[in-house]
N, C-alpha and C. Protein backbone atom coordinates (compact mmCIF):
# COMPACT_ATOMS: atom_id res chain seq x y z
N MET A 1 -51.60 149.45 134.60
CA MET A 1 -51.48 147.98 133.90
C MET A 1 -50.08 147.48 134.41
N ASN A 2 -50.15 146.16 134.77
CA ASN A 2 -49.22 145.16 135.32
C ASN A 2 -47.93 145.06 134.41
N LYS A 3 -47.04 145.72 134.63
CA LYS A 3 -45.59 145.40 133.77
C LYS A 3 -45.53 143.64 133.32
N MET A 4 -46.00 142.68 134.03
CA MET A 4 -46.00 141.51 133.90
C MET A 4 -46.94 140.64 133.33
N GLN A 5 -48.34 141.75 132.85
CA GLN A 5 -49.44 141.37 132.64
C GLN A 5 -49.66 142.43 130.91
N THR A 6 -48.78 142.98 130.31
CA THR A 6 -48.88 143.81 129.16
C THR A 6 -49.12 142.96 128.23
N THR A 7 -49.88 142.76 127.52
CA THR A 7 -50.25 141.92 126.07
C THR A 7 -49.79 142.37 124.93
N ALA A 8 -49.84 141.76 123.86
CA ALA A 8 -49.55 142.38 122.64
C ALA A 8 -50.56 143.46 122.34
N GLU A 9 -51.50 142.75 122.55
CA GLU A 9 -52.76 143.58 122.34
C GLU A 9 -53.06 144.90 122.72
N ASP A 10 -52.83 144.65 124.15
CA ASP A 10 -52.73 146.13 125.29
C ASP A 10 -51.56 147.37 124.24
N LEU A 11 -50.63 146.56 123.88
CA LEU A 11 -49.84 147.33 123.04
C LEU A 11 -50.26 148.06 122.15
N ILE A 12 -50.89 147.07 121.17
CA ILE A 12 -51.04 147.62 119.87
C ILE A 12 -52.12 148.84 120.22
N LYS A 13 -53.18 148.33 121.01
CA LYS A 13 -54.43 149.34 121.00
C LYS A 13 -53.78 150.94 121.77
N LEU A 14 -52.75 150.57 122.56
CA LEU A 14 -52.18 151.87 123.16
C LEU A 14 -51.61 152.76 121.64
N TYR A 15 -50.66 151.83 121.14
CA TYR A 15 -49.99 152.58 119.84
C TYR A 15 -50.94 153.50 118.86
N GLU A 16 -52.25 152.53 118.70
CA GLU A 16 -52.88 152.79 117.42
C GLU A 16 -53.80 154.08 117.82
N SER A 17 -53.86 154.28 119.33
CA SER A 17 -55.00 155.28 119.79
C SER A 17 -54.17 156.68 120.17
N LYS A 18 -52.78 156.23 120.06
CA LYS A 18 -51.65 158.03 120.27
C LYS A 18 -51.86 158.63 118.80
N GLU A 19 -51.82 159.77 119.31
CA GLU A 19 -51.70 160.72 118.39
C GLU A 19 -50.17 161.16 118.43
N SER A 20 -49.33 161.20 117.44
CA SER A 20 -48.15 161.35 117.01
C SER A 20 -47.73 162.74 116.74
N ILE A 21 -47.41 163.87 117.95
CA ILE A 21 -46.89 165.01 117.71
C ILE A 21 -45.74 165.06 117.85
N LEU A 22 -44.75 166.15 117.43
CA LEU A 22 -43.45 166.52 117.77
C LEU A 22 -42.63 166.44 119.11
N ASP A 23 -43.53 166.72 119.86
CA ASP A 23 -43.10 166.40 121.17
C ASP A 23 -43.03 165.04 121.85
N ILE A 24 -43.72 164.57 120.91
CA ILE A 24 -43.83 163.21 121.63
C ILE A 24 -42.59 162.32 121.16
N VAL A 25 -42.37 162.68 119.52
CA VAL A 25 -41.49 162.18 119.00
C VAL A 25 -39.84 162.13 119.45
N PHE A 26 -39.96 163.68 119.81
CA PHE A 26 -38.19 163.93 120.17
C PHE A 26 -38.34 163.47 121.73
N ASN A 27 -39.57 163.25 122.32
CA ASN A 27 -39.54 162.16 123.60
C ASN A 27 -38.85 161.21 123.33
N ALA A 28 -39.52 160.32 122.24
CA ALA A 28 -39.03 159.07 122.07
C ALA A 28 -37.94 158.91 121.84
N PHE A 29 -37.05 159.97 120.76
CA PHE A 29 -35.78 159.50 120.79
C PHE A 29 -35.20 159.43 121.50
N ARG A 30 -35.37 160.19 122.68
CA ARG A 30 -34.44 160.22 124.08
C ARG A 30 -34.73 158.88 124.52
N ARG A 31 -35.90 158.77 124.70
CA ARG A 31 -36.45 157.51 125.41
C ARG A 31 -35.75 156.46 124.83
N SER A 32 -35.74 156.20 123.55
CA SER A 32 -35.14 155.25 122.72
C SER A 32 -33.70 154.72 122.84
N ARG A 33 -32.89 155.96 123.66
CA ARG A 33 -31.21 155.82 123.55
C ARG A 33 -31.11 154.72 125.09
N LYS A 34 -32.31 154.25 125.78
CA LYS A 34 -31.99 153.21 126.87
C LYS A 34 -31.86 151.98 126.30
N VAL A 35 -32.40 151.67 124.74
CA VAL A 35 -32.30 150.39 124.46
C VAL A 35 -31.45 150.54 122.78
N GLY A 36 -30.58 151.29 122.86
CA GLY A 36 -29.65 151.54 121.73
C GLY A 36 -29.92 152.17 120.37
N PHE A 37 -30.97 152.47 120.26
CA PHE A 37 -31.82 153.02 119.03
C PHE A 37 -31.40 154.77 119.05
N ARG A 38 -30.61 154.72 118.02
CA ARG A 38 -29.82 156.21 117.74
C ARG A 38 -30.33 156.65 116.27
N LEU A 39 -31.02 156.25 116.12
CA LEU A 39 -31.14 156.60 114.58
C LEU A 39 -30.27 155.99 113.49
N TYR A 40 -30.11 154.76 113.88
CA TYR A 40 -29.19 154.19 113.24
C TYR A 40 -29.19 152.23 113.58
N ARG A 41 -29.37 151.23 112.46
CA ARG A 41 -28.87 150.37 112.92
C ARG A 41 -27.85 149.76 112.87
N TYR A 42 -27.83 148.76 113.56
CA TYR A 42 -26.66 147.77 113.76
C TYR A 42 -26.54 146.68 113.08
N GLU A 43 -25.24 146.19 112.13
CA GLU A 43 -25.41 144.99 111.37
C GLU A 43 -25.47 143.87 112.70
N VAL A 44 -26.94 143.57 112.59
CA VAL A 44 -27.45 142.65 113.25
C VAL A 44 -28.63 142.06 112.87
N SER A 45 -29.02 141.00 113.36
CA SER A 45 -30.41 140.11 112.80
C SER A 45 -31.33 141.29 112.31
N PRO A 46 -32.27 140.93 111.70
CA PRO A 46 -33.24 141.93 111.25
C PRO A 46 -34.52 141.89 111.67
N GLU A 47 -34.30 140.72 113.14
CA GLU A 47 -35.37 140.86 114.17
C GLU A 47 -34.62 141.55 115.11
N LEU A 48 -33.77 141.90 115.10
CA LEU A 48 -33.47 142.84 116.49
C LEU A 48 -33.47 144.12 116.17
N ASN A 49 -33.23 144.44 114.64
CA ASN A 49 -33.67 145.78 114.13
C ASN A 49 -35.05 145.96 114.28
N GLU A 50 -35.77 145.03 113.82
CA GLU A 50 -37.17 145.52 114.36
C GLU A 50 -37.63 145.43 115.47
N TYR A 51 -37.18 144.83 116.42
CA TYR A 51 -37.35 144.88 117.88
C TYR A 51 -36.61 146.65 118.60
N TYR A 52 -36.06 146.71 118.10
CA TYR A 52 -35.27 148.09 118.46
C TYR A 52 -36.16 149.37 118.17
N ALA A 53 -36.46 149.26 116.56
CA ALA A 53 -37.61 149.79 115.85
C ALA A 53 -39.24 149.94 116.60
N ALA A 54 -39.51 148.96 116.57
CA ALA A 54 -40.62 148.65 117.55
C ALA A 54 -40.85 149.13 118.90
N LEU A 55 -39.68 148.85 119.77
CA LEU A 55 -39.37 149.97 121.00
C LEU A 55 -39.61 151.04 120.99
N PHE A 56 -38.99 151.90 119.75
CA PHE A 56 -39.27 153.24 119.28
C PHE A 56 -40.40 153.51 118.88
N CYS A 57 -40.74 152.85 118.43
CA CYS A 57 -42.56 153.01 118.14
C CYS A 57 -43.04 153.09 119.56
N PHE A 58 -42.92 152.22 120.17
CA PHE A 58 -43.69 152.27 121.69
C PHE A 58 -43.50 153.23 122.23
N SER A 59 -42.31 153.82 122.43
CA SER A 59 -41.96 154.68 123.11
C SER A 59 -42.73 156.21 122.59
N LEU A 60 -43.32 156.02 121.75
CA LEU A 60 -44.12 157.23 121.01
C LEU A 60 -45.64 157.22 121.99
N ILE A 61 -46.06 156.06 122.63
CA ILE A 61 -47.00 155.82 123.19
C ILE A 61 -47.37 156.56 124.66
N ASP A 62 -46.19 156.10 125.39
CA ASP A 62 -45.63 157.03 126.75
C ASP A 62 -45.04 156.27 127.23
N ASN A 63 -44.50 156.88 128.37
CA ASN A 63 -43.15 156.51 128.98
C ASN A 63 -43.45 155.20 129.92
N THR A 64 -44.80 155.42 130.34
CA THR A 64 -45.02 153.93 131.35
C THR A 64 -44.79 152.86 130.31
N VAL A 65 -45.63 152.69 129.08
CA VAL A 65 -45.34 151.54 128.61
C VAL A 65 -43.96 150.76 128.33
N PHE A 66 -43.35 152.21 127.56
CA PHE A 66 -41.79 151.86 127.18
C PHE A 66 -41.44 151.27 128.33
N ASP A 67 -41.25 151.87 129.63
CA ASP A 67 -40.45 151.46 131.03
C ASP A 67 -40.88 149.87 131.18
N SER A 68 -41.92 150.08 131.22
CA SER A 68 -42.43 148.63 131.65
C SER A 68 -41.92 147.31 130.46
N LEU A 69 -41.64 147.78 129.11
CA LEU A 69 -41.32 146.91 128.19
C LEU A 69 -39.93 146.83 128.35
N ILE A 70 -39.12 147.40 128.93
CA ILE A 70 -37.85 147.46 129.14
C ILE A 70 -37.29 146.95 130.53
N ALA A 71 -38.25 147.06 131.16
CA ALA A 71 -38.04 146.46 132.81
C ALA A 71 -38.27 145.10 132.74
N SER A 72 -39.27 144.64 131.84
CA SER A 72 -39.70 143.17 131.89
C SER A 72 -38.38 142.21 131.47
N ASP A 73 -38.45 140.74 131.74
CA ASP A 73 -37.48 139.74 131.51
C ASP A 73 -37.32 140.03 130.11
N GLU A 74 -36.33 139.46 129.68
CA GLU A 74 -35.75 139.50 128.31
C GLU A 74 -36.88 138.70 127.27
N PRO A 75 -36.97 137.43 127.62
CA PRO A 75 -37.61 136.54 126.52
C PRO A 75 -39.21 136.81 126.51
N GLU A 76 -39.43 137.43 128.08
CA GLU A 76 -40.80 137.79 127.71
C GLU A 76 -41.00 139.26 126.96
N LYS A 77 -40.17 140.02 127.14
CA LYS A 77 -40.04 141.47 126.17
C LYS A 77 -40.02 141.21 124.66
N ILE A 78 -39.39 140.15 124.41
CA ILE A 78 -38.95 140.12 122.99
C ILE A 78 -40.29 139.22 122.69
N LYS A 79 -40.89 138.51 123.40
CA LYS A 79 -42.14 137.65 122.67
C LYS A 79 -43.12 138.56 122.56
N HIS A 80 -43.54 139.60 123.68
CA HIS A 80 -44.77 140.62 123.31
C HIS A 80 -44.22 141.64 122.14
N VAL A 81 -43.32 142.01 122.25
CA VAL A 81 -42.63 142.74 120.75
C VAL A 81 -43.02 142.32 119.35
N GLN A 82 -42.38 140.96 119.48
CA GLN A 82 -42.83 140.49 118.12
C GLN A 82 -44.31 140.00 117.68
N SER A 83 -44.73 139.65 118.97
CA SER A 83 -46.21 139.46 118.58
C SER A 83 -46.95 140.69 118.43
N ALA A 84 -47.03 141.87 118.75
CA ALA A 84 -47.38 143.23 118.51
C ALA A 84 -47.52 143.28 117.28
N ILE A 85 -45.66 143.46 116.57
CA ILE A 85 -45.30 143.32 115.18
C ILE A 85 -46.10 142.77 114.29
N SER A 86 -46.36 141.32 114.75
CA SER A 86 -47.06 140.32 113.48
C SER A 86 -48.34 140.72 113.85
N SER A 87 -48.98 141.20 114.52
CA SER A 87 -50.55 141.14 114.88
C SER A 87 -51.23 142.55 114.49
N SER A 88 -50.33 143.54 114.10
CA SER A 88 -50.87 145.03 113.85
C SER A 88 -50.13 145.30 112.29
N MET A 89 -50.88 145.49 111.38
CA MET A 89 -50.05 146.02 109.72
C MET A 89 -50.11 147.53 110.14
N LEU A 90 -50.62 148.46 111.39
CA LEU A 90 -50.14 149.60 111.47
C LEU A 90 -48.35 149.73 111.89
N LEU A 91 -48.60 149.02 112.76
CA LEU A 91 -47.32 149.20 113.72
C LEU A 91 -46.30 148.27 113.08
N ARG A 92 -46.70 147.44 111.96
CA ARG A 92 -45.61 146.33 111.09
C ARG A 92 -45.19 148.01 110.10
N SER A 93 -46.24 148.54 109.55
CA SER A 93 -45.51 149.81 108.60
C SER A 93 -44.77 150.60 109.18
N HIS A 94 -45.03 151.14 110.60
CA HIS A 94 -44.49 152.27 111.16
C HIS A 94 -43.04 151.97 111.41
N VAL A 95 -42.58 150.45 112.05
CA VAL A 95 -41.59 149.84 111.93
C VAL A 95 -40.84 149.73 110.82
N GLU A 96 -41.27 149.39 109.96
CA GLU A 96 -40.75 149.36 108.52
C GLU A 96 -40.52 150.91 108.03
N PHE A 97 -41.30 151.87 108.15
CA PHE A 97 -40.70 153.18 108.51
C PHE A 97 -39.72 153.70 108.71
N VAL A 98 -39.41 153.61 109.89
CA VAL A 98 -38.27 153.52 110.81
C VAL A 98 -37.58 153.20 110.60
N LEU A 99 -37.19 151.96 109.63
CA LEU A 99 -36.30 151.00 109.74
C LEU A 99 -35.71 151.67 108.25
N SER A 100 -36.51 152.49 107.21
CA SER A 100 -36.12 152.49 105.97
C SER A 100 -35.52 154.25 106.24
N TYR A 101 -35.65 155.04 107.53
CA TYR A 101 -34.72 156.14 107.31
C TYR A 101 -33.76 156.00 108.54
N SER A 102 -33.34 154.50 108.55
CA SER A 102 -32.33 154.27 109.93
C SER A 102 -30.88 153.60 108.65
N PRO A 103 -30.13 154.43 108.58
CA PRO A 103 -29.18 153.72 107.79
C PRO A 103 -28.35 152.61 109.00
N VAL A 104 -27.46 151.74 108.10
CA VAL A 104 -27.28 150.48 108.85
C VAL A 104 -25.85 150.97 109.37
N ILE A 105 -25.38 150.84 110.23
CA ILE A 105 -23.91 151.10 110.86
C ILE A 105 -23.21 149.72 111.06
N ASP A 106 -22.13 149.34 110.00
CA ASP A 106 -21.37 148.22 110.07
C ASP A 106 -20.37 148.39 110.63
N TRP A 107 -19.94 148.08 112.11
CA TRP A 107 -19.02 148.47 113.16
C TRP A 107 -17.64 148.01 112.83
N ASP A 108 -17.93 146.69 112.06
CA ASP A 108 -16.73 146.22 111.62
C ASP A 108 -15.97 146.31 109.93
N ALA A 109 -16.51 147.06 109.56
CA ALA A 109 -15.92 147.61 108.39
C ALA A 109 -14.83 147.58 108.04
N GLY A 110 -14.25 146.99 106.91
CA GLY A 110 -13.05 147.15 106.81
C GLY A 110 -11.61 146.23 107.52
N LYS A 111 -12.24 145.26 108.44
CA LYS A 111 -11.58 144.28 109.37
C LYS A 111 -11.94 143.05 108.22
């Protein structure tokens, strides 16, 4: 799969066909550090938090999909991820689940 030709539909099919096992989850945590997802959310827009959570979910698929997403140009990457979230109820529910267990960190608290 050419990284510039990856479609939201391809991502959804890969995500929905993958069995989530513990090794894959631990690997996803390691891989997702590349995009700043560390089991907490930043005080940023909800769309950006959804985007990071979706990238974490995609890192459950396999490393090549995740790597091709983060290597693509920013507008294209964001467009594909947002399209995938809005096109798949399963992915949306997984993103919401990840976010529900990710506390919000407000780095400017008390300033």
